[in-house]
Amino acid sequence: MAKRQATPKMDTPTARAKNCKPRHEPYWEVIEEGCALGYRRGKRGGVWYAKYYLPEAKPSRKQKDIGFADDSGTPAHIKTLAYAEAKEAALAWRKAEAAALAAPPSETPKEPYTVRKCMADYMSSYEKAGGRASKDTLRVINAHILPAFGAHLVEKLTRSQIQEWFEDLADTPARLRTAKGAEQRFRELPDDFEVKRRRRSTANRILTVLKAALNKALELEKVSCPNTAWRMVKPFRKADSARLRFLSVEDQKTLVDACPPGFRKLVQAALFTGARYGELTRLMHVRDFHERTGQVFVTSETKSEESRYIVLSDEGIAFFKGIVEGRKKSERMFLAEEGEEWKRGHQVRPMNQAVKDAGIEDGLSFHELRHTYASTLIMAGVPLAVVAEQLGHKGTRMVDKHYGHLAKKYVTDTIRQLSPRLNLLHNADSSPM
């Protein structure tokens, strides 16, 4: 076993001059467990060093110079340390390092978390999770939430602030498209119950976005609010119970006849399938019609995020057969004039004109063709579960909510038509008192 080299004596300038020859590495003396004092001689005098070993530290070994030694020949203007002073400085340094290691880490002050940052975090999470309404959600945030609360701190939001904003949303008419930089324009509508219901329904949807974003901030531990003020603001009741509008069979034919040729096919397809405008124009291709089974396929890129097969009537099969005949399977099923694709909102003007030409009062949107399809099936006696499957709903709740009364009417009419006549009234009239 190699003999350990003795520590040279270096407690005086004379001892250091005799025992510590100039070299690159310092001479070390252990002054306490885990701490050592070092000395290295240079051309113009010596320098004191300190080093320590702390297993729990990162790095566990650390070294630093702590000052010049009081060697002879050191310039007078340089502050020097005698051996005892250097030893004390080395121990003090190690003690300070150990204390800093043992102390709990100081928390970095959190940057103020505003509603604007909250909305950015929410949209990031929403898109990563595959949210399919990101454009509409962002539009709601930019139009209604950020102008009111963008600069507010999430932790400082109060119930009264949110409640007042929420009620103002319900009292404000629908926004109209406005030139950039110009004063926002609003739609002029009559002050009746249906208009108020629609505005309250819109306010409910906007409130839902705000609540979802603030709840996500809590989930991500961006904030720690003792009182979640937004949860105390309740949506308007019965605001979403819209009066569904649908066309009779006669009105459907009148509307189709009033449509221009290119748009007519799109309207017919909606009435035969109940598919949404986006499903017809963006997701449906020629290959999606299966003549053998009499079905048309809608991919999973839908609002419900589930693909489905829509069973067609005999008339619907004949219609789609004519649509796909002689065409490439990769083509979009429905195209506008000159083979152009239907874009978002392109159906609004031709729909409004066709409704006007057909003499349908109070207007009708393209989406209400979906309601017409469902209503027609239910009034024909098709069970709610079957209608829900055709529409792409995961259950019958939405169908029952919107169309259940029609199913009840069918039951009522069926009973009245098919119930046997009992001829009991004359017996009841002649019964003794």
Protein backbone atom coordinates (compact mmCIF):
# COMPACT_ATOMS: atom_id res chain seq x y z
CA MET A 1 0.00 0.00 0.00
CA ALA A 2 1.42 3.37 -0.95
CA LYS A 3 2.42 5.62 1.92
CA ARG A 4 0.28 8.75 2.21
CA GLN A 5 2.33 11.91 1.68
CA ALA A 6 2.51 14.14 4.79
CA THR A 7 0.93 17.59 4.67
CA PRO A 8 3.66 20.21 4.54
CA LYS A 9 3.80 22.79 7.29
CA MET A 10 2.46 26.07 5.92
CA ASP A 11 1.20 28.07 8.91
CA THR A 12 3.90 30.76 8.56
CA PRO A 13 5.50 32.57 5.60
CA THR A 14 8.83 30.98 6.44
CA ALA A 15 7.38 27.47 6.56
CA ARG A 16 5.64 27.97 3.24
CA ALA A 17 8.80 29.28 1.60
CA LYS A 18 10.69 26.20 2.85
CA ASN A 19 8.11 23.44 2.31
CA CYS A 20 5.86 24.57 -0.59
CA LYS A 21 7.73 24.71 -3.85
CA PRO A 22 6.07 26.39 -6.86
CA ARG A 23 3.80 23.99 -8.74
CA HIS A 24 0.47 23.92 -10.59
CA GLU A 25 -1.52 22.03 -7.94
CA PRO A 26 -2.00 23.58 -4.47
CA TYR A 27 -0.71 21.94 -1.29
CA TRP A 28 -3.67 20.83 0.82
CA GLU A 29 -4.29 20.58 4.53
CA VAL A 30 -7.50 19.06 5.93
CA ILE A 31 -8.85 21.53 8.50
CA GLU A 32 -12.23 19.85 9.11
CA GLU A 33 -13.98 16.76 7.82
CA GLY A 34 -14.96 17.49 4.26
CA CYS A 35 -13.05 20.80 4.12
CA ALA A 36 -9.44 21.57 3.25
CA LEU A 37 -7.23 24.66 3.01
CA GLY A 38 -4.86 24.90 0.07
CA TYR A 39 -1.83 26.96 -0.80
CA ARG A 40 -0.06 27.48 -4.11
CA ARG A 41 3.10 29.52 -4.58
CA GLY A 42 3.39 31.75 -7.61
CA LYS A 43 6.08 34.07 -8.98
CA ARG A 44 4.70 37.07 -7.10
CA GLY A 45 3.54 35.37 -3.92
CA GLY A 46 1.14 32.68 -2.80
CA VAL A 47 -2.65 32.23 -2.97
CA TRP A 48 -4.97 30.50 -0.48
CA TYR A 49 -7.60 28.04 -1.69
CA ALA A 50 -10.49 26.23 -0.10
CA LYS A 51 -12.32 23.09 -1.17
CA TYR A 52 -15.12 20.96 0.28
CA TYR A 53 -16.94 17.68 -0.23
CA LEU A 54 -20.71 17.54 0.31
CA PRO A 55 -22.27 14.28 -0.94
CA GLU A 56 -25.76 15.80 -1.32
CA ALA A 57 -24.54 18.82 -3.29
CA LYS A 58 -24.36 19.11 -7.07
CA PRO A 59 -21.45 19.13 -7.77
CA SER A 60 -20.41 17.31 -4.60
CA ARG A 61 -16.84 18.76 -4.76
CA LYS A 62 -16.14 22.44 -5.13
CA GLN A 63 -12.99 24.63 -4.98
CA LYS A 64 -12.28 28.37 -4.98
CA ASP A 65 -9.47 30.82 -4.18
CA ILE A 66 -10.07 32.82 -1.02
CA GLY A 67 -7.29 35.41 -1.12
CA PHE A 68 -3.57 36.15 -1.26
CA ALA A 69 -1.20 34.75 1.40
CA ASP A 70 0.89 37.06 3.58
CA ASP A 71 4.12 35.90 1.96
CA SER A 72 7.22 38.11 1.87
CA GLY A 73 7.50 39.98 -1.42
CA THR A 74 3.74 40.38 -1.87
CA PRO A 75 3.00 44.00 -3.02
CA ALA A 76 1.89 46.20 -0.13
CA HIS A 77 -1.29 47.38 -1.87
CA ILE A 78 -2.68 43.81 -2.05
CA LYS A 79 -4.80 42.64 0.85
CA THR A 80 -3.46 39.40 2.28
CA LEU A 81 -4.62 36.71 4.67
CA ALA A 82 -2.54 35.06 7.36
CA TYR A 83 -2.85 31.30 7.85
CA ALA A 84 -5.43 31.59 10.65
CA GLU A 85 -7.50 34.08 8.63
CA ALA A 86 -7.39 31.84 5.55
CA LYS A 87 -8.46 28.85 7.64
CA GLU A 88 -11.38 30.81 9.10
CA ALA A 89 -12.42 32.00 5.63
CA ALA A 90 -12.37 28.44 4.25
CA LEU A 91 -14.55 27.13 7.10
CA ALA A 92 -16.99 30.05 6.75
CA TRP A 93 -17.35 29.43 3.03
CA ARG A 94 -18.07 25.73 3.50
CA LYS A 95 -20.59 26.52 6.25
CA ALA A 96 -22.42 29.00 4.01
CA GLU A 97 -22.53 26.48 1.16
CA ALA A 98 -23.94 23.76 3.43
CA ALA A 99 -26.58 26.14 4.84
CA ALA A 100 -27.71 27.14 1.33
CA LEU A 101 -28.01 23.48 0.41
CA ALA A 102 -30.13 22.69 3.47
CA ALA A 103 -32.48 25.65 3.03
CA PRO A 104 -35.69 25.06 1.04
CA PRO A 105 -35.40 26.32 -2.54
CA SER A 106 -36.73 29.80 -2.93
CA GLU A 107 -39.74 29.91 -5.20
CA THR A 108 -39.32 31.89 -8.37
CA PRO A 109 -41.93 34.63 -8.37
CA LYS A 110 -44.73 33.62 -10.71
CA GLU A 111 -45.42 35.84 -13.67
CA PRO A 112 -48.89 37.42 -13.41
CA TYR A 113 -51.35 35.01 -15.01
CA THR A 114 -53.84 36.97 -17.05
CA VAL A 115 -56.99 35.81 -18.79
CA ARG A 116 -55.18 36.36 -22.10
CA LYS A 117 -52.48 33.83 -21.12
CA CYS A 118 -55.18 31.53 -19.80
CA MET A 119 -56.96 31.56 -23.16
CA ALA A 120 -53.69 30.87 -25.01
CA ASP A 121 -52.98 27.87 -22.75
CA TYR A 122 -56.54 26.62 -23.21
CA MET A 123 -56.39 26.80 -27.01
CA SER A 124 -53.05 24.98 -26.98
CA SER A 125 -54.50 22.17 -24.83
CA TYR A 126 -57.72 22.11 -26.87
CA GLU A 127 -55.90 21.69 -30.18
CA LYS A 128 -53.50 19.06 -28.80
CA ALA A 129 -56.51 17.10 -27.56
CA GLY A 130 -57.94 17.10 -31.09
CA GLY A 131 -60.63 19.74 -30.59
CA ARG A 132 -62.52 20.13 -33.86
CA ALA A 133 -64.07 23.53 -33.24
CA SER A 134 -60.83 25.44 -32.67
CA LYS A 135 -61.61 28.16 -35.23
CA ASP A 136 -65.04 28.87 -33.78
CA THR A 137 -63.69 28.74 -30.21
CA LEU A 138 -60.87 31.16 -31.05
CA ARG A 139 -63.36 33.49 -32.74
CA VAL A 140 -65.50 33.53 -29.58
CA ILE A 141 -62.43 34.22 -27.43
CA ASN A 142 -61.20 37.09 -29.60
CA ALA A 143 -64.64 38.65 -30.09
CA HIS A 144 -66.17 38.36 -26.63
CA ILE A 145 -63.74 37.25 -23.89
CA LEU A 146 -60.43 39.03 -24.50
CA PRO A 147 -61.94 42.51 -25.03
CA ALA A 148 -63.63 42.24 -21.63
CA PHE A 149 -61.10 40.30 -19.53
CA GLY A 150 -57.85 39.97 -21.49
CA ALA A 151 -55.74 42.08 -19.11
CA HIS A 152 -57.45 40.87 -15.91
CA LEU A 153 -55.63 38.51 -13.55
CA VAL A 154 -57.42 35.18 -13.32
CA GLU A 155 -57.05 35.12 -9.52
CA LYS A 156 -58.68 38.55 -9.25
CA LEU A 157 -61.82 37.79 -11.27
CA THR A 158 -65.01 38.30 -9.30
CA ARG A 159 -68.47 36.88 -9.68
CA SER A 160 -70.00 40.32 -10.18
CA GLN A 161 -67.62 41.10 -13.06
CA ILE A 162 -68.43 37.89 -14.88
CA GLN A 163 -72.16 38.12 -14.14
CA GLU A 164 -72.40 41.66 -15.50
CA TRP A 165 -70.45 40.70 -18.63
CA PHE A 166 -72.62 37.61 -19.12
CA GLU A 167 -75.88 39.56 -18.87
CA ASP A 168 -74.56 42.22 -21.27
CA LEU A 169 -73.88 39.45 -23.81
CA ALA A 170 -77.54 38.44 -23.66
CA ASP A 171 -78.69 42.04 -24.14
CA THR A 172 -76.36 42.79 -27.06
CA PRO A 173 -77.63 42.12 -30.61
CA ALA A 174 -75.72 39.77 -32.89
CA ARG A 175 -72.56 41.22 -34.41
CA LEU A 176 -72.36 41.99 -38.11
CA ARG A 177 -69.25 41.74 -40.25
CA THR A 178 -67.44 45.06 -39.93
CA ALA A 179 -64.47 46.55 -41.77
CA LYS A 180 -61.19 46.43 -39.86
CA GLY A 181 -60.77 49.53 -37.72
CA ALA A 182 -64.41 50.58 -38.11
CA GLU A 183 -66.94 50.71 -35.31
CA GLN A 184 -68.57 47.33 -34.70
CA ARG A 185 -71.99 46.96 -36.33
CA PHE A 186 -74.87 44.96 -34.87
CA ARG A 187 -77.90 43.30 -36.36
CA GLU A 188 -81.24 45.06 -35.91
CA LEU A 189 -83.84 42.53 -34.81
CA PRO A 190 -87.33 42.81 -33.33
CA ASP A 191 -87.50 42.67 -29.55
CA ASP A 192 -89.52 39.45 -29.18
CA PHE A 193 -89.18 36.28 -27.13
CA GLU A 194 -87.42 34.22 -29.80
CA VAL A 195 -84.76 36.89 -30.32
CA LYS A 196 -84.09 37.05 -26.58
CA ARG A 197 -83.88 33.28 -26.39
CA ARG A 198 -81.33 33.16 -29.17
CA ARG A 199 -79.17 35.84 -27.54
CA ARG A 200 -79.34 34.02 -24.21
CA SER A 201 -78.39 30.78 -25.94
CA THR A 202 -75.40 32.52 -27.52
CA ALA A 203 -74.39 33.99 -24.15
CA ASN A 204 -74.56 30.50 -22.63
CA ARG A 205 -72.18 29.13 -25.27
CA ILE A 206 -69.69 31.96 -24.73
CA LEU A 207 -69.84 31.48 -20.96
CA THR A 208 -69.11 27.78 -21.50
CA VAL A 209 -65.87 28.66 -23.33
CA LEU A 210 -64.78 31.02 -20.53
CA LYS A 211 -65.51 28.44 -17.84
CA ALA A 212 -63.74 25.67 -19.74
CA ALA A 213 -60.58 27.78 -20.11
CA LEU A 214 -60.53 28.86 -16.45
CA ASN A 215 -61.14 25.30 -15.28
CA LYS A 216 -58.25 24.14 -17.48
CA ALA A 217 -56.01 26.73 -15.79
CA LEU A 218 -56.86 25.16 -12.42
CA GLU A 219 -56.23 21.69 -13.80
CA LEU A 220 -52.80 22.75 -15.14
CA GLU A 221 -52.03 24.42 -11.76
CA LYS A 222 -51.46 27.76 -13.43
CA VAL A 223 -53.49 29.42 -10.67
CA SER A 224 -54.72 28.54 -7.21
CA CYS A 225 -57.94 30.42 -6.58
CA PRO A 226 -59.60 29.98 -3.19
CA ASN A 227 -62.90 31.05 -4.75
CA THR A 228 -63.61 30.04 -8.32
CA ALA A 229 -65.87 32.97 -9.11
CA TRP A 230 -66.79 31.76 -12.58
CA ARG A 231 -68.41 28.59 -11.26
CA MET A 232 -70.97 30.66 -9.39
CA VAL A 233 -72.28 32.25 -12.61
CA LYS A 234 -75.09 30.07 -13.92
CA PRO A 235 -76.29 29.89 -17.55
CA PHE A 236 -79.75 31.03 -18.55
CA ARG A 237 -82.34 28.32 -18.13
CA LYS A 238 -84.37 27.03 -21.08
CA ALA A 239 -82.44 29.25 -23.47
CA ASP A 240 -81.49 26.33 -25.70
CA SER A 241 -84.98 24.91 -26.11
CA ALA A 242 -85.33 26.27 -29.60
CA ARG A 243 -88.50 26.00 -31.62
CA LEU A 244 -87.42 23.53 -34.27
CA ARG A 245 -88.51 24.34 -37.77
CA PHE A 246 -88.91 21.70 -40.44
CA LEU A 247 -90.54 21.41 -43.80
CA SER A 248 -93.49 19.27 -44.77
CA VAL A 249 -93.04 16.85 -47.65
CA GLU A 250 -94.81 19.33 -49.95
CA ASP A 251 -92.58 22.21 -48.85
CA GLN A 252 -89.47 20.08 -49.38
CA LYS A 253 -90.42 19.52 -53.00
CA THR A 254 -91.19 23.22 -53.46
CA LEU A 255 -87.80 24.20 -52.03
CA VAL A 256 -85.89 21.75 -54.24
CA ASP A 257 -87.67 23.04 -57.34
CA ALA A 258 -86.70 26.63 -56.39
CA CYS A 259 -82.97 25.82 -56.12
CA PRO A 260 -80.54 26.49 -59.00
CA PRO A 261 -79.19 23.24 -60.55
CA GLY A 262 -75.76 23.20 -58.82
CA PHE A 263 -77.19 23.91 -55.39
CA ARG A 264 -80.24 21.67 -55.88
CA LYS A 265 -78.15 18.49 -55.60
CA LEU A 266 -76.73 19.62 -52.27
CA VAL A 267 -80.20 20.34 -50.87
CA GLN A 268 -81.52 16.99 -52.12
CA ALA A 269 -78.59 15.16 -50.49
CA ALA A 270 -79.27 16.90 -47.17
CA LEU A 271 -82.94 15.88 -47.29
CA PHE A 272 -82.06 12.26 -48.19
CA THR A 273 -79.32 11.86 -45.53
CA GLY A 274 -79.67 14.44 -42.77
CA ALA A 275 -75.93 15.08 -43.16
CA ARG A 276 -74.42 18.41 -42.16
CA TYR A 277 -73.24 20.90 -44.77
CA GLY A 278 -69.58 20.25 -43.90
CA GLU A 279 -70.07 16.49 -44.12
CA LEU A 280 -71.60 16.75 -47.57
CA THR A 281 -69.10 19.21 -49.02
CA ARG A 282 -65.86 18.35 -47.25
CA LEU A 283 -65.97 14.71 -46.12
CA MET A 284 -68.09 12.90 -48.68
CA HIS A 285 -66.42 11.49 -51.81
CA VAL A 286 -67.73 9.48 -54.74
CA ARG A 287 -66.26 6.28 -53.24
CA ASP A 288 -68.41 6.73 -50.11
CA PHE A 289 -71.62 5.66 -51.85
CA HIS A 290 -72.20 1.88 -51.69
CA GLU A 291 -74.92 0.92 -54.12
CA ARG A 292 -74.98 -2.75 -53.10
CA THR A 293 -75.87 -1.94 -49.47
CA GLY A 294 -77.77 1.24 -50.24
CA GLN A 295 -75.67 3.29 -47.84
CA VAL A 296 -73.43 6.35 -47.88
CA PHE A 297 -70.39 6.58 -45.60
CA VAL A 298 -69.36 9.61 -43.53
CA THR A 299 -65.78 9.55 -42.15
CA SER A 300 -64.81 10.07 -38.51
CA GLU A 301 -63.76 13.68 -39.15
CA THR A 302 -67.22 14.77 -38.05
CA LYS A 303 -68.54 16.83 -35.20
CA SER A 304 -69.26 13.67 -33.21
CA GLU A 305 -65.78 12.30 -34.10
CA GLU A 306 -67.30 8.98 -35.17
CA SER A 307 -67.76 7.59 -38.64
CA ARG A 308 -71.15 6.24 -39.66
CA TYR A 309 -73.12 4.68 -42.49
CA ILE A 310 -76.35 6.41 -43.47
CA VAL A 311 -78.99 4.03 -44.79
CA LEU A 312 -80.73 5.49 -47.83
CA SER A 313 -84.30 5.14 -48.97
CA ASP A 314 -84.96 3.70 -52.43
CA GLU A 315 -85.34 7.26 -53.72
CA GLY A 316 -82.07 8.23 -52.02
CA ILE A 317 -80.24 5.28 -53.60
CA ALA A 318 -81.44 6.31 -57.05
CA PHE A 319 -80.35 9.90 -56.38
CA PHE A 320 -76.80 8.99 -55.30
CA LYS A 321 -76.46 6.48 -58.12
CA GLY A 322 -77.07 9.31 -60.56
CA ILE A 323 -74.60 11.57 -58.72
CA VAL A 324 -71.63 9.15 -58.86
CA GLU A 325 -72.18 7.63 -62.29
CA GLY A 326 -69.08 7.90 -64.51
CA ARG A 327 -67.02 9.82 -61.94
CA LYS A 328 -63.66 9.09 -60.29
CA LYS A 329 -63.95 7.58 -56.83
CA SER A 330 -61.52 10.14 -55.36
CA GLU A 331 -63.63 13.16 -56.37
CA ARG A 332 -65.64 15.13 -53.88
CA MET A 333 -69.22 13.96 -54.01
CA PHE A 334 -70.68 17.48 -54.34
CA LEU A 335 -69.06 20.33 -56.22
CA ALA A 336 -70.21 23.84 -57.01
CA GLU A 337 -70.38 25.33 -60.47
CA GLU A 338 -67.42 24.65 -62.78
CA GLY A 339 -66.16 21.93 -60.46
CA GLU A 340 -65.17 24.24 -57.63
CA GLU A 341 -65.37 23.05 -54.03
CA TRP A 342 -68.06 24.35 -51.72
CA LYS A 343 -66.45 26.52 -49.02
CA ARG A 344 -67.63 27.51 -45.58
CA GLY A 345 -70.60 29.87 -45.86
CA HIS A 346 -71.03 29.45 -49.62
CA GLN A 347 -74.46 27.90 -49.08
CA VAL A 348 -75.95 30.93 -47.33
CA ARG A 349 -76.86 33.10 -50.33
CA PRO A 350 -78.27 30.37 -52.60
CA MET A 351 -80.21 28.97 -49.64
CA ASN A 352 -81.73 32.35 -48.78
CA GLN A 353 -82.68 32.93 -52.41
CA ALA A 354 -84.24 29.48 -52.80
CA VAL A 355 -86.25 29.91 -49.60
CA LYS A 356 -87.47 33.28 -50.81
CA ASP A 357 -88.39 31.92 -54.26
CA ALA A 358 -90.20 28.98 -52.64
CA GLY A 359 -92.30 31.36 -50.54
CA ILE A 360 -91.21 29.84 -47.22
CA GLU A 361 -91.93 32.35 -44.46
CA ASP A 362 -89.47 33.41 -41.72
CA GLY A 363 -86.49 32.04 -43.64
CA LEU A 364 -84.77 28.67 -43.31
CA SER A 365 -81.09 27.78 -42.82
CA PHE A 366 -79.30 24.89 -44.51
CA HIS A 367 -78.85 23.17 -41.13
CA GLU A 368 -82.63 23.06 -40.72
CA LEU A 369 -82.70 20.58 -43.59
CA ARG A 370 -81.11 18.18 -41.09
CA HIS A 371 -84.00 18.87 -38.69
CA THR A 372 -86.42 18.28 -41.54
CA TYR A 373 -84.83 14.90 -42.31
CA ALA A 374 -85.05 13.77 -38.68
CA SER A 375 -88.58 15.08 -38.22
CA THR A 376 -89.79 13.36 -41.38
CA LEU A 377 -88.39 10.01 -40.20
CA ILE A 378 -89.91 10.30 -36.75
CA MET A 379 -93.33 11.30 -38.06
CA ALA A 380 -93.14 8.25 -40.32
CA GLY A 381 -92.74 6.09 -37.21
CA VAL A 382 -88.98 5.42 -37.27
CA PRO A 383 -87.75 4.72 -33.69
CA LEU A 384 -85.65 7.40 -31.96
CA ALA A 385 -82.64 5.08 -31.66
CA VAL A 386 -82.58 4.53 -35.41
CA VAL A 387 -82.85 8.27 -36.12
CA ALA A 388 -80.03 8.98 -33.65
CA GLU A 389 -77.80 6.46 -35.44
CA GLN A 390 -78.58 8.01 -38.82
CA LEU A 391 -77.71 11.49 -37.52
CA GLY A 392 -74.48 10.29 -35.88
CA HIS A 393 -75.50 10.92 -32.26
CA LYS A 394 -73.98 8.65 -29.62
CA GLY A 395 -77.32 8.22 -27.88
CA THR A 396 -80.96 9.20 -28.11
CA ARG A 397 -80.79 12.09 -25.64
CA MET A 398 -80.43 14.85 -28.24
CA VAL A 399 -82.96 13.28 -30.58
CA ASP A 400 -85.45 12.83 -27.77
CA LYS A 401 -84.87 16.42 -26.62
CA HIS A 402 -85.51 17.97 -30.01
CA TYR A 403 -87.85 15.52 -31.71
CA GLY A 404 -89.41 13.48 -28.90
CA HIS A 405 -92.68 15.41 -29.09
CA LEU A 406 -93.03 14.31 -32.71
CA ALA A 407 -92.63 10.68 -31.67
CA LYS A 408 -95.35 11.19 -29.06
CA LYS A 409 -97.60 12.64 -31.74
CA TYR A 410 -97.01 9.58 -33.88
CA VAL A 411 -97.96 7.33 -30.95
CA THR A 412 -101.06 9.44 -30.31
CA ASP A 413 -102.16 9.37 -33.96
CA THR A 414 -101.49 5.63 -34.25
CA ILE A 415 -103.57 4.83 -31.18
CA ARG A 416 -106.46 6.98 -32.37
CA GLN A 417 -106.38 5.43 -35.83
CA LEU A 418 -105.95 1.79 -34.85
CA SER A 419 -107.76 1.47 -31.52
CA PRO A 420 -110.95 -0.67 -31.88
CA ARG A 421 -114.30 0.98 -31.37
CA LEU A 422 -115.80 -0.41 -28.12
CA ASN A 423 -119.27 1.19 -28.33
CA LEU A 424 -119.45 1.70 -24.58
CA LEU A 425 -120.84 5.23 -24.46
CA HIS A 426 -124.57 4.28 -24.64
CA ASN A 427 -124.09 1.77 -21.80
CA ALA A 428 -122.51 4.44 -19.65
CA ASP A 429 -125.37 6.87 -20.36
CA SER A 430 -128.07 4.32 -19.37
CA SER A 431 -126.38 3.09 -16.20
CA PRO A 432 -128.35 3.71 -12.95
CA MET A 433 -127.25 6.45 -10.63
